[in-house]
Amino acid sequence: MSAPIPVPRTGVPLGITDPVEKARAELKATLAAIEEKGNLPRRVGRATQKRVTRLRHFARTEPVAATAAVVGAAAAVGLAVWGAIRLYVR
């Protein structure tokens, strides 16, 4: 006896013969796919978490380059704020 193959939330299991059960499974999978696609905050959260993980790995493996990137970004933000304030005051 083999173990059942896991089916993703957005998939329909194979081997359903009852048309009503198959329609229910397809509807459930469709609604799950719509929720997955339309839930923008969850997608942004996953993408952010993935990016944070990559940046932490980069900071651990290349600490000098990571420090230089942070200093460069801070200088760019500071320069942009200084320029915006200077344009506003004139």
Protein backbone atom coordinates (compact mmCIF):
# COMPACT_ATOMS: atom_id res chain seq x y z
CA MET A 1 0.00 0.00 0.00
CA SER A 2 1.52 3.33 -1.05
CA ALA A 3 1.20 6.61 0.78
CA PRO A 4 -1.30 9.10 -0.70
CA ILE A 5 0.20 11.81 -2.86
CA PRO A 6 -0.24 15.22 -1.22
CA VAL A 7 -2.36 17.62 -3.25
CA PRO A 8 -1.83 21.39 -3.03
CA ARG A 9 -4.72 23.54 -1.84
CA THR A 10 -5.26 24.79 -5.37
CA GLY A 11 -5.28 21.30 -6.94
CA VAL A 12 -7.97 18.70 -7.44
CA PRO A 13 -7.21 15.14 -6.29
CA LEU A 14 -7.18 12.45 -8.99
CA GLY A 15 -9.55 9.53 -8.93
CA ILE A 16 -12.78 11.25 -7.92
CA THR A 17 -15.55 9.46 -9.79
CA ASP A 18 -18.64 11.05 -8.25
CA PRO A 19 -19.54 14.13 -10.34
CA VAL A 20 -20.86 16.04 -7.32
CA GLU A 21 -17.72 15.37 -5.29
CA LYS A 22 -15.56 16.31 -8.28
CA ALA A 23 -17.47 19.59 -8.75
CA ARG A 24 -17.07 20.37 -5.04
CA ALA A 25 -13.34 19.63 -5.17
CA GLU A 26 -12.93 21.82 -8.27
CA LEU A 27 -14.87 24.65 -6.65
CA LYS A 28 -12.81 24.37 -3.47
CA ALA A 29 -9.57 24.44 -5.50
CA THR A 30 -10.79 27.41 -7.56
CA LEU A 31 -11.74 29.40 -4.47
CA ALA A 32 -8.37 28.60 -2.89
CA ALA A 33 -6.59 29.78 -6.05
CA ILE A 34 -8.59 33.01 -6.10
CA GLU A 35 -7.79 33.62 -2.43
CA GLU A 36 -4.11 32.90 -3.02
CA LYS A 37 -3.94 35.22 -6.04
CA GLY A 38 -6.08 38.00 -4.56
CA ASN A 39 -4.63 38.15 -1.06
CA LEU A 40 -2.11 40.89 -1.74
CA PRO A 41 -1.02 41.48 1.88
CA ARG A 42 -0.12 37.80 2.27
CA ARG A 43 1.81 37.80 -1.02
CA VAL A 44 3.68 40.96 -0.02
CA GLY A 45 4.45 39.44 3.37
CA ARG A 46 5.88 36.29 1.79
CA ALA A 47 7.97 38.28 -0.69
CA THR A 48 9.23 40.55 2.09
CA GLN A 49 10.16 37.59 4.27
CA LYS A 50 12.00 35.95 1.38
CA ARG A 51 13.93 39.17 0.68
CA VAL A 52 14.81 39.66 4.37
CA THR A 53 16.15 36.09 4.49
CA ARG A 54 18.33 36.72 1.43
CA LEU A 55 19.63 40.01 2.81
CA ARG A 56 20.47 38.44 6.18
CA HIS A 57 22.40 35.70 4.40
CA PHE A 58 24.22 38.34 2.36
CA ALA A 59 25.05 40.30 5.53
CA ARG A 60 26.47 37.15 7.16
CA THR A 61 28.57 36.14 4.17
CA GLU A 62 29.65 39.63 3.00
CA PRO A 63 29.64 41.94 6.06
CA VAL A 64 31.82 44.65 4.49
CA ALA A 65 29.70 44.87 1.34
CA ALA A 66 26.50 44.87 3.42
CA THR A 67 27.82 47.71 5.58
CA ALA A 68 28.83 49.67 2.49
CA ALA A 69 25.35 49.13 1.01
CA VAL A 70 23.66 50.39 4.20
CA VAL A 71 25.92 53.46 4.38
CA GLY A 72 25.34 54.18 0.68
CA ALA A 73 21.56 53.86 1.04
CA ALA A 74 21.57 56.13 4.10
CA ALA A 75 23.65 58.71 2.24
CA ALA A 76 21.29 58.58 -0.76
CA VAL A 77 18.22 59.07 1.45
CA GLY A 78 19.92 61.90 3.32
CA LEU A 79 20.90 63.58 0.06
CA ALA A 80 17.36 63.23 -1.30
CA VAL A 81 15.84 64.74 1.85
CA TRP A 82 18.39 67.57 1.86
CA GLY A 83 17.65 68.30 -1.80
CA ALA A 84 13.88 68.27 -1.27
CA ILE A 85 14.12 70.62 1.70
CA ARG A 86 16.46 72.92 -0.19
CA LEU A 87 14.03 73.09 -3.14
CA TYR A 88 11.11 73.74 -0.78
CA VAL A 89 12.89 76.57 1.08
CA ARG A 90 13.89 78.42 -2.09
